Amino acid sequence: MVRLDLLAELEKKAKACRQCCLAEERTNVAFSDGDPLSSLMLVGEGPGEQEDLQGRPFVGPAGQLLDKILDAAAIGRARVYICNIVKCRPRNLPGRPGFRAGGGQNRPPAEEEIKACLPWLEAQIAVIQPKIILCLGSVAAQVLIEPGFSITRDRGKWFERYGIKIAATYHPSALLRDPVKKRPAWEDFQRVRDAYFQVLGRQ
């Protein structure tokens, strides 16, 4: 199938990418996971430790919570296409862009890292041609929706970008840190689920 062949070629090229400093410490490129034929794409921020080790996005604690949410929404991980803004783990190392003292092992990707990696995401969107994109966290929303996007203010609203319906909600890691956010995030997932089922012709 042409789409699968294109994605396989993209992934092969991404795994050889050396466009930013993230390539220097990575174990694996976490290119994508899930169904490349899906109408629903989930886009997060960047890989963490487990994602770097396994070469798949959202397989650590945040990914396990995401799986539970998708199952509860009657969608399931296997029926969506999952990727991140950057494909290599942004480690919180001194001397690296975006270093945060006392910030733990991971950090948000720096602007130059996002700029270097964005063509891979844009190519994924062009090949997948999703009808709906859900941004997980503020970094993804600020890249794909608008730079001034605020998760607290704008989550759950629908926008249109690339001719695609797009919304954003809290990143699953934020739900692990602050369980109070779980209820509004669940409401957002329900809205996305309903829109997704409409695309599938289900009510």
C-alpha atoms as a PDB file:
ATOM      1  CA  MET A   1       0.000   0.000   0.000  1.00  0.00           C
ATOM      2  CA  VAL A   2       1.390   3.391  -1.012  1.00  0.00           C
ATOM      3  CA  ARG A   3       0.745   5.057   2.346  1.00  0.00           C
ATOM      4  CA  LEU A   4       2.531   2.327   4.283  1.00  0.00           C
ATOM      5  CA  ASP A   5       5.470   2.396   1.887  1.00  0.00           C
ATOM      6  CA  LEU A   6       5.790   6.170   2.246  1.00  0.00           C
ATOM      7  CA  LEU A   7       5.684   5.965   6.038  1.00  0.00           C
ATOM      8  CA  ALA A   8       8.268   3.187   6.079  1.00  0.00           C
ATOM      9  CA  GLU A   9      10.582   5.314   3.946  1.00  0.00           C
ATOM     10  CA  LEU A  10      10.000   8.343   6.173  1.00  0.00           C
ATOM     11  CA  GLU A  11      10.780   6.337   9.278  1.00  0.00           C
ATOM     12  CA  LYS A  12      13.951   4.954   7.733  1.00  0.00           C
ATOM     13  CA  LYS A  13      15.145   8.483   6.933  1.00  0.00           C
ATOM     14  CA  ALA A  14      14.135   9.808  10.362  1.00  0.00           C
ATOM     15  CA  LYS A  15      16.179   7.102  12.077  1.00  0.00           C
ATOM     16  CA  ALA A  16      19.251   8.395  10.252  1.00  0.00           C
ATOM     17  CA  CYS A  17      18.518  12.067  11.016  1.00  0.00           C
ATOM     18  CA  ARG A  18      21.302  14.139  12.631  1.00  0.00           C
ATOM     19  CA  GLN A  19      19.739  17.585  12.246  1.00  0.00           C
ATOM     20  CA  CYS A  20      19.916  18.531  15.939  1.00  0.00           C
ATOM     21  CA  CYS A  21      21.770  17.648  19.132  1.00  0.00           C
ATOM     22  CA  LEU A  22      19.053  15.202  20.248  1.00  0.00           C
ATOM     23  CA  ALA A  23      20.593  12.632  17.905  1.00  0.00           C
ATOM     24  CA  GLU A  24      23.771  12.576  19.990  1.00  0.00           C
ATOM     25  CA  GLU A  25      22.213  10.978  23.089  1.00  0.00           C
ATOM     26  CA  ARG A  26      19.327   8.989  21.692  1.00  0.00           C
ATOM     27  CA  THR A  27      19.069   5.237  21.949  1.00  0.00           C
ATOM     28  CA  ASN A  28      16.244   4.999  19.401  1.00  0.00           C
ATOM     29  CA  VAL A  29      14.061   7.260  17.285  1.00  0.00           C
ATOM     30  CA  ALA A  30      10.458   6.972  18.483  1.00  0.00           C
ATOM     31  CA  PHE A  31       8.848   7.682  15.127  1.00  0.00           C
ATOM     32  CA  SER A  32       5.247   6.536  15.577  1.00  0.00           C
ATOM     33  CA  ASP A  33       2.895   3.824  16.751  1.00  0.00           C
ATOM     34  CA  GLY A  34      -0.636   2.675  16.040  1.00  0.00           C
ATOM     35  CA  ASP A  35      -2.712   2.555  12.875  1.00  0.00           C
ATOM     36  CA  PRO A  36      -1.325   4.485   9.881  1.00  0.00           C
ATOM     37  CA  LEU A  37      -4.750   4.260   8.233  1.00  0.00           C
ATOM     38  CA  SER A  38      -6.541   5.925  11.148  1.00  0.00           C
ATOM     39  CA  SER A  39      -8.571   9.119  10.827  1.00  0.00           C
ATOM     40  CA  LEU A  40      -7.417  10.173  14.309  1.00  0.00           C
ATOM     41  CA  MET A  41      -3.863  11.304  15.061  1.00  0.00           C
ATOM     42  CA  LEU A  42      -2.546  11.983  18.568  1.00  0.00           C
ATOM     43  CA  VAL A  43       0.505  14.228  18.812  1.00  0.00           C
ATOM     44  CA  GLY A  44       2.548  14.599  21.980  1.00  0.00           C
ATOM     45  CA  GLU A  45       5.687  16.494  22.907  1.00  0.00           C
ATOM     46  CA  GLY A  46       8.632  14.125  22.740  1.00  0.00           C
ATOM     47  CA  PRO A  47       9.871  10.704  23.877  1.00  0.00           C
ATOM     48  CA  GLY A  48      10.801   9.971  27.476  1.00  0.00           C
ATOM     49  CA  GLU A  49      13.145   7.336  28.849  1.00  0.00           C
ATOM     50  CA  GLN A  50      11.021   4.280  28.025  1.00  0.00           C
ATOM     51  CA  GLU A  51      10.129   5.627  24.591  1.00  0.00           C
ATOM     52  CA  ASP A  52      13.836   6.159  23.858  1.00  0.00           C
ATOM     53  CA  LEU A  53      14.641   2.615  24.969  1.00  0.00           C
ATOM     54  CA  GLN A  54      11.790   0.965  23.035  1.00  0.00           C
ATOM     55  CA  GLY A  55      11.673   3.236  19.984  1.00  0.00           C
ATOM     56  CA  ARG A  56       7.906   3.809  20.324  1.00  0.00           C
ATOM     57  CA  PRO A  57       5.984   6.866  21.545  1.00  0.00           C
ATOM     58  CA  PHE A  58       3.871   6.743  24.713  1.00  0.00           C
ATOM     59  CA  VAL A  59       4.971   3.451  26.240  1.00  0.00           C
ATOM     60  CA  GLY A  60       6.057   4.727  29.676  1.00  0.00           C
ATOM     61  CA  PRO A  61       3.760   5.646  32.597  1.00  0.00           C
ATOM     62  CA  ALA A  62       2.086   8.464  30.627  1.00  0.00           C
ATOM     63  CA  GLY A  63       1.542   6.109  27.702  1.00  0.00           C
ATOM     64  CA  GLN A  64      -0.002   3.492  29.958  1.00  0.00           C
ATOM     65  CA  LEU A  65      -2.459   6.085  31.243  1.00  0.00           C
ATOM     66  CA  LEU A  66      -3.197   7.150  27.664  1.00  0.00           C
ATOM     67  CA  ASP A  67      -3.990   3.527  26.801  1.00  0.00           C
ATOM     68  CA  LYS A  68      -6.484   3.379  29.669  1.00  0.00           C
ATOM     69  CA  ILE A  69      -8.158   6.603  28.524  1.00  0.00           C
ATOM     70  CA  LEU A  70      -8.417   5.380  24.931  1.00  0.00           C
ATOM     71  CA  ASP A  71      -9.857   2.060  26.102  1.00  0.00           C
ATOM     72  CA  ALA A  72     -12.389   3.849  28.321  1.00  0.00           C
ATOM     73  CA  ALA A  73     -13.394   5.985  25.335  1.00  0.00           C
ATOM     74  CA  ALA A  74     -14.011   2.797  23.312  1.00  0.00           C
ATOM     75  CA  ILE A  75     -11.352   3.780  20.785  1.00  0.00           C
ATOM     76  CA  GLY A  76      -8.256   1.791  21.762  1.00  0.00           C
ATOM     77  CA  ARG A  77      -4.623   2.501  21.040  1.00  0.00           C
ATOM     78  CA  ALA A  78      -4.479   0.188  18.030  1.00  0.00           C
ATOM     79  CA  ARG A  79      -7.041   2.335  16.172  1.00  0.00           C
ATOM     80  CA  VAL A  80      -5.201   5.680  16.350  1.00  0.00           C
ATOM     81  CA  TYR A  81      -1.916   6.966  14.957  1.00  0.00           C
ATOM     82  CA  ILE A  82       0.419   8.270  17.669  1.00  0.00           C
ATOM     83  CA  CYS A  83       3.533  10.398  17.299  1.00  0.00           C
ATOM     84  CA  ASN A  84       5.371  13.347  18.839  1.00  0.00           C
ATOM     85  CA  ILE A  85       6.587  16.792  17.836  1.00  0.00           C
ATOM     86  CA  VAL A  86      10.191  15.595  18.195  1.00  0.00           C
ATOM     87  CA  LYS A  87      11.181  12.017  17.587  1.00  0.00           C
ATOM     88  CA  CYS A  88      14.219  11.811  19.895  1.00  0.00           C
ATOM     89  CA  ARG A  89      14.271  12.167  23.659  1.00  0.00           C
ATOM     90  CA  PRO A  90      15.021  15.692  24.943  1.00  0.00           C
ATOM     91  CA  ARG A  91      17.209  14.820  27.919  1.00  0.00           C
ATOM     92  CA  ASN A  92      17.749  17.441  30.589  1.00  0.00           C
ATOM     93  CA  LEU A  93      21.536  17.723  30.324  1.00  0.00           C
ATOM     94  CA  PRO A  94      23.751  20.698  31.277  1.00  0.00           C
ATOM     95  CA  GLY A  95      24.937  22.593  28.238  1.00  0.00           C
ATOM     96  CA  ARG A  96      22.010  21.467  26.085  1.00  0.00           C
ATOM     97  CA  PRO A  97      19.274  23.793  24.800  1.00  0.00           C
ATOM     98  CA  GLY A  98      16.439  24.177  27.267  1.00  0.00           C
ATOM     99  CA  PHE A  99      18.374  22.778  30.258  1.00  0.00           C
ATOM    100  CA  ARG A 100      16.434  23.255  33.504  1.00  0.00           C
ATOM    101  CA  ALA A 101      18.283  22.882  36.811  1.00  0.00           C
ATOM    102  CA  GLY A 102      16.448  20.409  39.011  1.00  0.00           C
ATOM    103  CA  GLY A 103      14.037  19.631  36.190  1.00  0.00           C
ATOM    104  CA  GLY A 104      14.369  15.855  36.183  1.00  0.00           C
ATOM    105  CA  GLN A 105      15.570  13.597  33.375  1.00  0.00           C
ATOM    106  CA  ASN A 106      13.365  15.007  30.615  1.00  0.00           C
ATOM    107  CA  ARG A 107      12.639  18.535  29.402  1.00  0.00           C
ATOM    108  CA  PRO A 108      10.467  20.174  26.758  1.00  0.00           C
ATOM    109  CA  PRO A 109      12.116  20.301  23.322  1.00  0.00           C
ATOM    110  CA  ALA A 110      13.922  23.541  22.514  1.00  0.00           C
ATOM    111  CA  GLU A 111      12.821  25.772  19.653  1.00  0.00           C
ATOM    112  CA  GLU A 112      15.719  24.750  17.405  1.00  0.00           C
ATOM    113  CA  GLU A 113      14.974  21.057  18.046  1.00  0.00           C
ATOM    114  CA  ILE A 114      11.320  21.541  17.149  1.00  0.00           C
ATOM    115  CA  LYS A 115      12.285  23.429  13.998  1.00  0.00           C
ATOM    116  CA  ALA A 116      14.678  20.651  12.966  1.00  0.00           C
ATOM    117  CA  CYS A 117      12.118  17.884  13.577  1.00  0.00           C
ATOM    118  CA  LEU A 118       8.948  19.553  12.329  1.00  0.00           C
ATOM    119  CA  PRO A 119       9.370  18.438   8.686  1.00  0.00           C
ATOM    120  CA  TRP A 120       9.024  14.806   9.848  1.00  0.00           C
ATOM    121  CA  LEU A 121       5.716  15.577  11.562  1.00  0.00           C
ATOM    122  CA  GLU A 122       4.455  17.580   8.607  1.00  0.00           C
ATOM    123  CA  ALA A 123       5.313  14.658   6.340  1.00  0.00           C
ATOM    124  CA  GLN A 124       3.472  12.259   8.654  1.00  0.00           C
ATOM    125  CA  ILE A 125       0.379  14.460   8.554  1.00  0.00           C
ATOM    126  CA  ALA A 126       0.586  14.709   4.761  1.00  0.00           C
ATOM    127  CA  VAL A 127       0.789  10.916   4.376  1.00  0.00           C
ATOM    128  CA  ILE A 128      -1.733   9.926   7.074  1.00  0.00           C
ATOM    129  CA  GLN A 129      -4.245  12.648   6.091  1.00  0.00           C
ATOM    130  CA  PRO A 130      -6.103  12.412   9.415  1.00  0.00           C
ATOM    131  CA  LYS A 131      -9.531  13.966   9.780  1.00  0.00           C
ATOM    132  CA  ILE A 132      -8.855  14.822  13.452  1.00  0.00           C
ATOM    133  CA  ILE A 133      -5.700  15.652  15.405  1.00  0.00           C
ATOM    134  CA  LEU A 134      -5.594  15.755  19.199  1.00  0.00           C
ATOM    135  CA  CYS A 135      -2.604  17.577  20.656  1.00  0.00           C
ATOM    136  CA  LEU A 136      -1.453  16.173  23.983  1.00  0.00           C
ATOM    137  CA  GLY A 137       0.026  19.055  25.965  1.00  0.00           C
ATOM    138  CA  SER A 138       0.887  22.673  25.370  1.00  0.00           C
ATOM    139  CA  VAL A 139       4.025  22.090  23.276  1.00  0.00           C
ATOM    140  CA  ALA A 140       2.138  20.167  20.594  1.00  0.00           C
ATOM    141  CA  ALA A 141      -0.716  22.687  20.665  1.00  0.00           C
ATOM    142  CA  GLN A 142       1.618  25.664  20.358  1.00  0.00           C
ATOM    143  CA  VAL A 143       3.305  24.075  17.351  1.00  0.00           C
ATOM    144  CA  LEU A 144       0.208  22.802  15.533  1.00  0.00           C
ATOM    145  CA  ILE A 145      -2.493  25.298  16.556  1.00  0.00           C
ATOM    146  CA  GLU A 146      -0.947  28.635  17.540  1.00  0.00           C
ATOM    147  CA  PRO A 147       2.107  29.839  19.496  1.00  0.00           C
ATOM    148  CA  GLY A 148       0.037  31.537  22.189  1.00  0.00           C
ATOM    149  CA  PHE A 149      -2.088  28.474  22.900  1.00  0.00           C
ATOM    150  CA  SER A 150      -2.905  27.938  26.579  1.00  0.00           C
ATOM    151  CA  ILE A 151      -4.021  24.475  27.637  1.00  0.00           C
ATOM    152  CA  THR A 152      -5.869  25.854  30.646  1.00  0.00           C
ATOM    153  CA  ARG A 153      -7.735  28.449  28.550  1.00  0.00           C
ATOM    154  CA  ASP A 154      -8.107  26.772  25.164  1.00  0.00           C
ATOM    155  CA  ARG A 155      -8.273  23.014  25.791  1.00  0.00           C
ATOM    156  CA  GLY A 156     -11.334  21.311  24.372  1.00  0.00           C
ATOM    157  CA  LYS A 157     -11.955  23.948  21.681  1.00  0.00           C
ATOM    158  CA  TRP A 158     -11.978  22.986  18.022  1.00  0.00           C
ATOM    159  CA  PHE A 159      -9.658  24.657  15.517  1.00  0.00           C
ATOM    160  CA  GLU A 160      -8.917  23.968  11.869  1.00  0.00           C
ATOM    161  CA  ARG A 161      -5.353  23.650  10.632  1.00  0.00           C
ATOM    162  CA  TYR A 162      -4.038  21.925   7.512  1.00  0.00           C
ATOM    163  CA  GLY A 163      -7.733  21.487   6.623  1.00  0.00           C
ATOM    164  CA  ILE A 164      -8.031  19.189   9.664  1.00  0.00           C
ATOM    165  CA  LYS A 165     -10.119  19.469  12.824  1.00  0.00           C
ATOM    166  CA  ILE A 166      -7.702  19.881  15.702  1.00  0.00           C
ATOM    167  CA  ALA A 167      -8.059  20.191  19.460  1.00  0.00           C
ATOM    168  CA  ALA A 168      -5.813  19.899  22.498  1.00  0.00           C
ATOM    169  CA  THR A 169      -5.956  18.536  26.007  1.00  0.00           C
ATOM    170  CA  TYR A 170      -3.591  17.947  28.897  1.00  0.00           C
ATOM    171  CA  HIS A 171      -0.627  15.658  28.329  1.00  0.00           C
ATOM    172  CA  PRO A 172      -1.081  12.353  30.198  1.00  0.00           C
ATOM    173  CA  SER A 173       2.050  13.125  32.234  1.00  0.00           C
ATOM    174  CA  ALA A 174       0.269  16.229  33.560  1.00  0.00           C
ATOM    175  CA  LEU A 175      -2.596  13.993  34.694  1.00  0.00           C
ATOM    176  CA  LEU A 176      -0.133  11.825  36.603  1.00  0.00           C
ATOM    177  CA  ARG A 177       1.270  14.891  38.362  1.00  0.00           C
ATOM    178  CA  ASP A 178      -2.133  16.459  39.030  1.00  0.00           C
ATOM    179  CA  PRO A 179      -5.106  14.044  39.132  1.00  0.00           C
ATOM    180  CA  VAL A 180      -7.512  17.015  39.327  1.00  0.00           C
ATOM    181  CA  LYS A 181      -6.908  17.473  35.591  1.00  0.00           C
ATOM    182  CA  LYS A 182      -8.225  13.997  34.806  1.00  0.00           C
ATOM    183  CA  ARG A 183     -11.894  14.999  34.693  1.00  0.00           C
ATOM    184  CA  PRO A 184     -11.487  17.889  32.194  1.00  0.00           C
ATOM    185  CA  ALA A 185      -9.124  15.746  30.116  1.00  0.00           C
ATOM    186  CA  TRP A 186     -11.714  12.966  30.026  1.00  0.00           C
ATOM    187  CA  GLU A 187     -14.327  15.484  28.840  1.00  0.00           C
ATOM    188  CA  ASP A 188     -11.950  16.498  26.038  1.00  0.00           C
ATOM    189  CA  PHE A 189     -11.401  12.885  25.023  1.00  0.00           C
ATOM    190  CA  GLN A 190     -15.157  12.318  24.936  1.00  0.00           C
ATOM    191  CA  ARG A 191     -15.574  15.237  22.527  1.00  0.00           C
ATOM    192  CA  VAL A 192     -12.810  13.892  20.318  1.00  0.00           C
ATOM    193  CA  ARG A 193     -14.313  10.389  20.501  1.00  0.00           C
ATOM    194  CA  ASP A 194     -17.706  11.709  19.369  1.00  0.00           C
ATOM    195  CA  ALA A 195     -16.126  13.568  16.446  1.00  0.00           C
ATOM    196  CA  TYR A 196     -14.105  10.484  15.544  1.00  0.00           C
ATOM    197  CA  PHE A 197     -17.181   8.264  15.590  1.00  0.00           C
ATOM    198  CA  GLN A 198     -18.963  10.766  13.320  1.00  0.00           C
ATOM    199  CA  VAL A 199     -16.107  10.427  10.834  1.00  0.00           C
ATOM    200  CA  LEU A 200     -16.525   6.662  11.000  1.00  0.00           C
ATOM    201  CA  GLY A 201     -20.264   7.014  10.470  1.00  0.00           C
ATOM    202  CA  ARG A 202     -21.087   5.843  13.992  1.00  0.00           C
ATOM    203  CA  GLN A 203     -23.368   7.655  16.416  1.00  0.00           C
END
